[in-house]
Amino acid sequence: MSFWKSLFGGAKDKAGDAPAGPVQSVQHEGFTIDATPLKEDSHFLICGVISKVVDGERKEHRFIRADRCTSVDSAAEMTIRKGQQIVDQMGEAVFR
């Protein structure tokens, strides 16, 4: 978004860019990964939520990456892959 648009009222409401719910969800190593790509201009950013019930409490980790995709489906696929990578590398440490 350009400086002039944001200065003169052209800024977008980011809450309006988020999908109403997950576009795609998968289970991976006991975690749930929800893909919630974020629309920005004509592209979609990789955005998702990793969650798991730990000791009876639902824990969540939200992540967003600067990678841009041209379709919501490709962004969802990349989000799932990134979420799986985060789970594989960090496990439950992601919630600290």
N, C-alpha and C. Protein backbone atom coordinates (compact mmCIF):
# COMPACT_ATOMS: atom_id res chain seq x y z
N MET A 1 0.85 -1.17 0.00
CA MET A 1 0.00 0.00 0.00
C MET A 1 0.90 1.23 0.00
N SER A 2 0.56 2.20 -0.79
CA SER A 2 1.40 3.38 -0.90
C SER A 2 1.18 4.33 0.27
N PHE A 3 2.16 5.14 0.49
CA PHE A 3 2.10 6.14 1.56
C PHE A 3 0.92 7.08 1.36
N TRP A 4 0.68 7.51 0.13
CA TRP A 4 -0.38 8.48 -0.14
C TRP A 4 -1.76 7.90 0.11
N LYS A 5 -1.97 6.64 -0.25
CA LYS A 5 -3.27 6.02 0.01
C LYS A 5 -3.55 5.93 1.49
N SER A 6 -2.55 5.54 2.27
CA SER A 6 -2.78 5.43 3.70
C SER A 6 -2.96 6.80 4.34
N LEU A 7 -2.27 7.81 3.81
CA LEU A 7 -2.38 9.15 4.35
C LEU A 7 -3.74 9.77 4.08
N PHE A 8 -4.30 9.50 2.90
CA PHE A 8 -5.57 10.13 2.52
C PHE A 8 -6.77 9.18 2.56
N GLY A 9 -6.73 8.22 3.47
CA GLY A 9 -7.91 7.39 3.70
C GLY A 9 -8.07 6.19 2.82
N GLY A 10 -7.04 5.80 2.08
CA GLY A 10 -7.15 4.63 1.23
C GLY A 10 -6.71 3.35 1.91
N ALA A 11 -6.39 3.43 3.20
CA ALA A 11 -5.93 2.23 3.92
C ALA A 11 -7.06 1.24 4.06
N LYS A 12 -6.69 -0.04 3.92
CA LYS A 12 -7.67 -1.11 4.03
C LYS A 12 -7.87 -1.49 5.48
N ASP A 13 -9.03 -2.03 5.76
CA ASP A 13 -9.31 -2.63 7.06
C ASP A 13 -8.81 -4.06 7.00
N LYS A 14 -7.72 -4.38 7.70
CA LYS A 14 -7.12 -5.70 7.63
C LYS A 14 -8.07 -6.78 8.12
N ALA A 15 -8.96 -6.47 9.06
CA ALA A 15 -9.91 -7.48 9.54
C ALA A 15 -10.82 -7.93 8.41
N GLY A 16 -11.11 -7.06 7.46
CA GLY A 16 -11.96 -7.42 6.34
C GLY A 16 -11.25 -8.29 5.32
N ASP A 17 -9.92 -8.39 5.40
CA ASP A 17 -9.16 -9.19 4.46
C ASP A 17 -9.03 -10.64 4.89
N ALA A 18 -9.28 -10.93 6.16
CA ALA A 18 -9.12 -12.29 6.67
C ALA A 18 -10.32 -13.15 6.29
N PRO A 19 -10.08 -14.42 5.95
CA PRO A 19 -11.21 -15.30 5.66
C PRO A 19 -12.06 -15.50 6.90
N ALA A 20 -13.33 -15.87 6.71
CA ALA A 20 -14.24 -16.08 7.83
C ALA A 20 -13.78 -17.26 8.69
N GLY A 21 -13.14 -18.23 8.10
CA GLY A 21 -12.66 -19.40 8.83
C GLY A 21 -11.53 -20.04 8.06
N PRO A 22 -11.05 -21.17 8.54
CA PRO A 22 -9.95 -21.84 7.84
C PRO A 22 -10.36 -22.27 6.43
N VAL A 23 -9.47 -22.06 5.49
CA VAL A 23 -9.68 -22.49 4.11
C VAL A 23 -9.40 -23.99 4.00
N GLN A 24 -8.44 -24.45 4.80
CA GLN A 24 -8.04 -25.85 4.79
C GLN A 24 -7.49 -26.18 6.17
N SER A 25 -7.76 -27.39 6.67
CA SER A 25 -7.23 -27.85 7.96
C SER A 25 -6.69 -29.25 7.81
N VAL A 26 -5.58 -29.52 8.51
CA VAL A 26 -5.01 -30.87 8.54
C VAL A 26 -4.54 -31.19 9.95
N GLN A 27 -4.44 -32.48 10.23
CA GLN A 27 -3.84 -32.97 11.46
C GLN A 27 -2.42 -33.41 11.13
N HIS A 28 -1.47 -33.02 11.98
CA HIS A 28 -0.07 -33.39 11.74
C HIS A 28 0.62 -33.58 13.09
N GLU A 29 1.07 -34.80 13.36
CA GLU A 29 1.79 -35.12 14.59
C GLU A 29 1.02 -34.69 15.85
N GLY A 30 -0.30 -34.81 15.82
CA GLY A 30 -1.12 -34.46 16.98
C GLY A 30 -1.52 -32.98 17.04
N PHE A 31 -1.06 -32.19 16.10
CA PHE A 31 -1.39 -30.76 16.02
C PHE A 31 -2.44 -30.56 14.93
N THR A 32 -3.21 -29.50 15.05
CA THR A 32 -4.11 -29.08 13.98
C THR A 32 -3.51 -27.86 13.32
N ILE A 33 -3.42 -27.88 12.01
CA ILE A 33 -2.91 -26.74 11.26
C ILE A 33 -4.06 -26.21 10.41
N ASP A 34 -4.45 -24.96 10.66
CA ASP A 34 -5.51 -24.30 9.91
C ASP A 34 -4.90 -23.25 9.00
N ALA A 35 -5.19 -23.33 7.72
CA ALA A 35 -4.72 -22.34 6.75
C ALA A 35 -5.76 -21.23 6.65
N THR A 36 -5.32 -20.01 6.93
CA THR A 36 -6.20 -18.84 6.85
C THR A 36 -5.49 -17.74 6.05
N PRO A 37 -5.28 -17.97 4.75
CA PRO A 37 -4.53 -17.00 3.93
C PRO A 37 -5.11 -15.59 4.05
N LEU A 38 -4.25 -14.62 4.03
CA LEU A 38 -4.62 -13.22 4.19
C LEU A 38 -4.53 -12.51 2.84
N LYS A 39 -5.63 -11.93 2.40
CA LYS A 39 -5.63 -11.23 1.12
C LYS A 39 -4.99 -9.86 1.28
N GLU A 40 -4.05 -9.59 0.41
CA GLU A 40 -3.39 -8.29 0.39
C GLU A 40 -3.25 -7.87 -1.07
N ASP A 41 -3.95 -6.82 -1.42
CA ASP A 41 -4.03 -6.37 -2.81
C ASP A 41 -4.54 -7.52 -3.68
N SER A 42 -3.80 -7.92 -4.69
CA SER A 42 -4.27 -9.00 -5.57
C SER A 42 -3.62 -10.34 -5.22
N HIS A 43 -2.92 -10.42 -4.10
CA HIS A 43 -2.23 -11.64 -3.70
C HIS A 43 -2.74 -12.13 -2.34
N PHE A 44 -2.27 -13.30 -1.96
CA PHE A 44 -2.60 -13.88 -0.66
C PHE A 44 -1.31 -14.19 0.08
N LEU A 45 -1.26 -13.81 1.35
CA LEU A 45 -0.10 -14.10 2.20
C LEU A 45 -0.31 -15.42 2.91
N ILE A 46 0.78 -16.11 3.19
CA ILE A 46 0.73 -17.35 3.95
C ILE A 46 0.42 -16.98 5.40
N CYS A 47 -0.67 -17.51 5.91
CA CYS A 47 -1.13 -17.17 7.26
C CYS A 47 -1.87 -18.38 7.81
N GLY A 48 -1.58 -18.75 9.06
CA GLY A 48 -2.25 -19.91 9.62
C GLY A 48 -2.18 -19.97 11.13
N VAL A 49 -2.82 -21.02 11.67
CA VAL A 49 -2.86 -21.25 13.11
C VAL A 49 -2.50 -22.70 13.37
N ILE A 50 -1.56 -22.90 14.30
CA ILE A 50 -1.21 -24.23 14.77
C ILE A 50 -1.81 -24.36 16.15
N SER A 51 -2.55 -25.44 16.40
CA SER A 51 -3.16 -25.60 17.71
C SER A 51 -3.06 -27.04 18.19
N LYS A 52 -3.18 -27.19 19.51
CA LYS A 52 -3.14 -28.51 20.13
C LYS A 52 -3.70 -28.38 21.54
N VAL A 53 -4.40 -29.40 22.00
CA VAL A 53 -4.87 -29.43 23.38
C VAL A 53 -3.74 -30.02 24.23
N VAL A 54 -3.26 -29.22 25.19
CA VAL A 54 -2.17 -29.62 26.08
C VAL A 54 -2.68 -29.50 27.51
N ASP A 55 -2.69 -30.61 28.24
CA ASP A 55 -3.17 -30.63 29.63
C ASP A 55 -4.57 -30.04 29.75
N GLY A 56 -5.43 -30.37 28.80
CA GLY A 56 -6.82 -29.92 28.83
C GLY A 56 -7.04 -28.49 28.38
N GLU A 57 -6.00 -27.82 27.97
CA GLU A 57 -6.09 -26.43 27.52
C GLU A 57 -5.67 -26.34 26.05
N ARG A 58 -6.49 -25.63 25.26
CA ARG A 58 -6.16 -25.46 23.84
C ARG A 58 -5.13 -24.35 23.69
N LYS A 59 -4.00 -24.71 23.12
CA LYS A 59 -2.92 -23.75 22.86
C LYS A 59 -2.91 -23.42 21.38
N GLU A 60 -2.59 -22.18 21.04
CA GLU A 60 -2.54 -21.74 19.65
C GLU A 60 -1.26 -20.95 19.38
N HIS A 61 -0.77 -21.11 18.16
CA HIS A 61 0.33 -20.30 17.67
C HIS A 61 -0.07 -19.79 16.29
N ARG A 62 -0.15 -18.49 16.13
CA ARG A 62 -0.50 -17.90 14.83
C ARG A 62 0.79 -17.50 14.12
N PHE A 63 0.80 -17.73 12.82
CA PHE A 63 1.98 -17.34 12.05
C PHE A 63 1.55 -16.71 10.73
N ILE A 64 2.41 -15.82 10.25
CA ILE A 64 2.19 -15.16 8.96
C ILE A 64 3.55 -15.00 8.31
N ARG A 65 3.61 -15.21 7.03
CA ARG A 65 4.85 -15.09 6.28
C ARG A 65 4.65 -14.10 5.15
N ALA A 66 5.73 -13.53 4.68
CA ALA A 66 5.67 -12.52 3.63
C ALA A 66 5.51 -13.12 2.23
N ASP A 67 5.60 -14.44 2.13
CA ASP A 67 5.44 -15.08 0.81
C ASP A 67 4.08 -14.73 0.23
N ARG A 68 4.05 -14.47 -1.07
CA ARG A 68 2.80 -14.11 -1.74
C ARG A 68 2.43 -15.16 -2.77
N CYS A 69 1.14 -15.47 -2.84
CA CYS A 69 0.61 -16.43 -3.80
C CYS A 69 -0.49 -15.75 -4.60
N THR A 70 -0.70 -16.23 -5.81
CA THR A 70 -1.71 -15.60 -6.67
C THR A 70 -3.11 -16.14 -6.43
N SER A 71 -3.22 -17.31 -5.78
CA SER A 71 -4.56 -17.85 -5.50
C SER A 71 -4.67 -18.27 -4.04
N VAL A 72 -5.88 -18.27 -3.54
CA VAL A 72 -6.12 -18.67 -2.16
C VAL A 72 -5.77 -20.15 -1.96
N ASP A 73 -6.00 -20.97 -2.99
CA ASP A 73 -5.69 -22.40 -2.88
C ASP A 73 -4.19 -22.65 -2.75
N SER A 74 -3.39 -21.96 -3.55
CA SER A 74 -1.94 -22.15 -3.46
C SER A 74 -1.41 -21.60 -2.13
N ALA A 75 -1.99 -20.50 -1.65
CA ALA A 75 -1.59 -19.96 -0.36
C ALA A 75 -1.94 -20.93 0.77
N ALA A 76 -3.10 -21.58 0.67
CA ALA A 76 -3.50 -22.56 1.69
C ALA A 76 -2.54 -23.75 1.69
N GLU A 77 -2.18 -24.24 0.51
CA GLU A 77 -1.25 -25.37 0.42
C GLU A 77 0.11 -25.01 1.02
N MET A 78 0.61 -23.82 0.70
CA MET A 78 1.90 -23.38 1.23
C MET A 78 1.82 -23.16 2.74
N THR A 79 0.68 -22.68 3.22
CA THR A 79 0.49 -22.48 4.66
C THR A 79 0.54 -23.82 5.39
N ILE A 80 -0.12 -24.82 4.85
CA ILE A 80 -0.10 -26.15 5.47
C ILE A 80 1.32 -26.70 5.51
N ARG A 81 2.06 -26.57 4.41
CA ARG A 81 3.44 -27.05 4.38
C ARG A 81 4.31 -26.31 5.40
N LYS A 82 4.14 -24.99 5.50
CA LYS A 82 4.92 -24.21 6.46
C LYS A 82 4.55 -24.60 7.89
N GLY A 83 3.26 -24.81 8.14
CA GLY A 83 2.82 -25.24 9.46
C GLY A 83 3.41 -26.59 9.84
N GLN A 84 3.45 -27.53 8.90
CA GLN A 84 4.05 -28.83 9.16
C GLN A 84 5.54 -28.70 9.46
N GLN A 85 6.20 -27.82 8.75
CA GLN A 85 7.62 -27.58 8.97
C GLN A 85 7.85 -27.01 10.38
N ILE A 86 7.02 -26.07 10.79
CA ILE A 86 7.14 -25.48 12.13
C ILE A 86 6.94 -26.56 13.20
N VAL A 87 5.90 -27.40 13.03
CA VAL A 87 5.63 -28.48 13.99
C VAL A 87 6.80 -29.45 14.04
N ASP A 88 7.34 -29.83 12.88
CA ASP A 88 8.45 -30.78 12.83
C ASP A 88 9.69 -30.22 13.51
N GLN A 89 9.92 -28.92 13.38
CA GLN A 89 11.13 -28.31 13.94
C GLN A 89 10.98 -27.95 15.42
N MET A 90 9.78 -27.53 15.82
CA MET A 90 9.63 -26.99 17.18
C MET A 90 8.77 -27.84 18.11
N GLY A 91 7.85 -28.62 17.56
CA GLY A 91 6.95 -29.39 18.42
C GLY A 91 6.16 -28.47 19.34
N GLU A 92 5.95 -28.89 20.59
CA GLU A 92 5.18 -28.09 21.54
C GLU A 92 5.89 -26.82 21.99
N ALA A 93 7.19 -26.71 21.70
CA ALA A 93 7.93 -25.49 22.04
C ALA A 93 7.38 -24.27 21.29
N VAL A 94 6.59 -24.50 20.25
CA VAL A 94 6.00 -23.40 19.49
C VAL A 94 5.07 -22.57 20.36
N PHE A 95 4.55 -23.15 21.45
CA PHE A 95 3.61 -22.44 22.30
C PHE A 95 4.28 -21.63 23.41
N ARG A 96 5.58 -21.68 23.51
CA ARG A 96 6.27 -20.92 24.57
C ARG A 96 6.49 -19.49 24.19
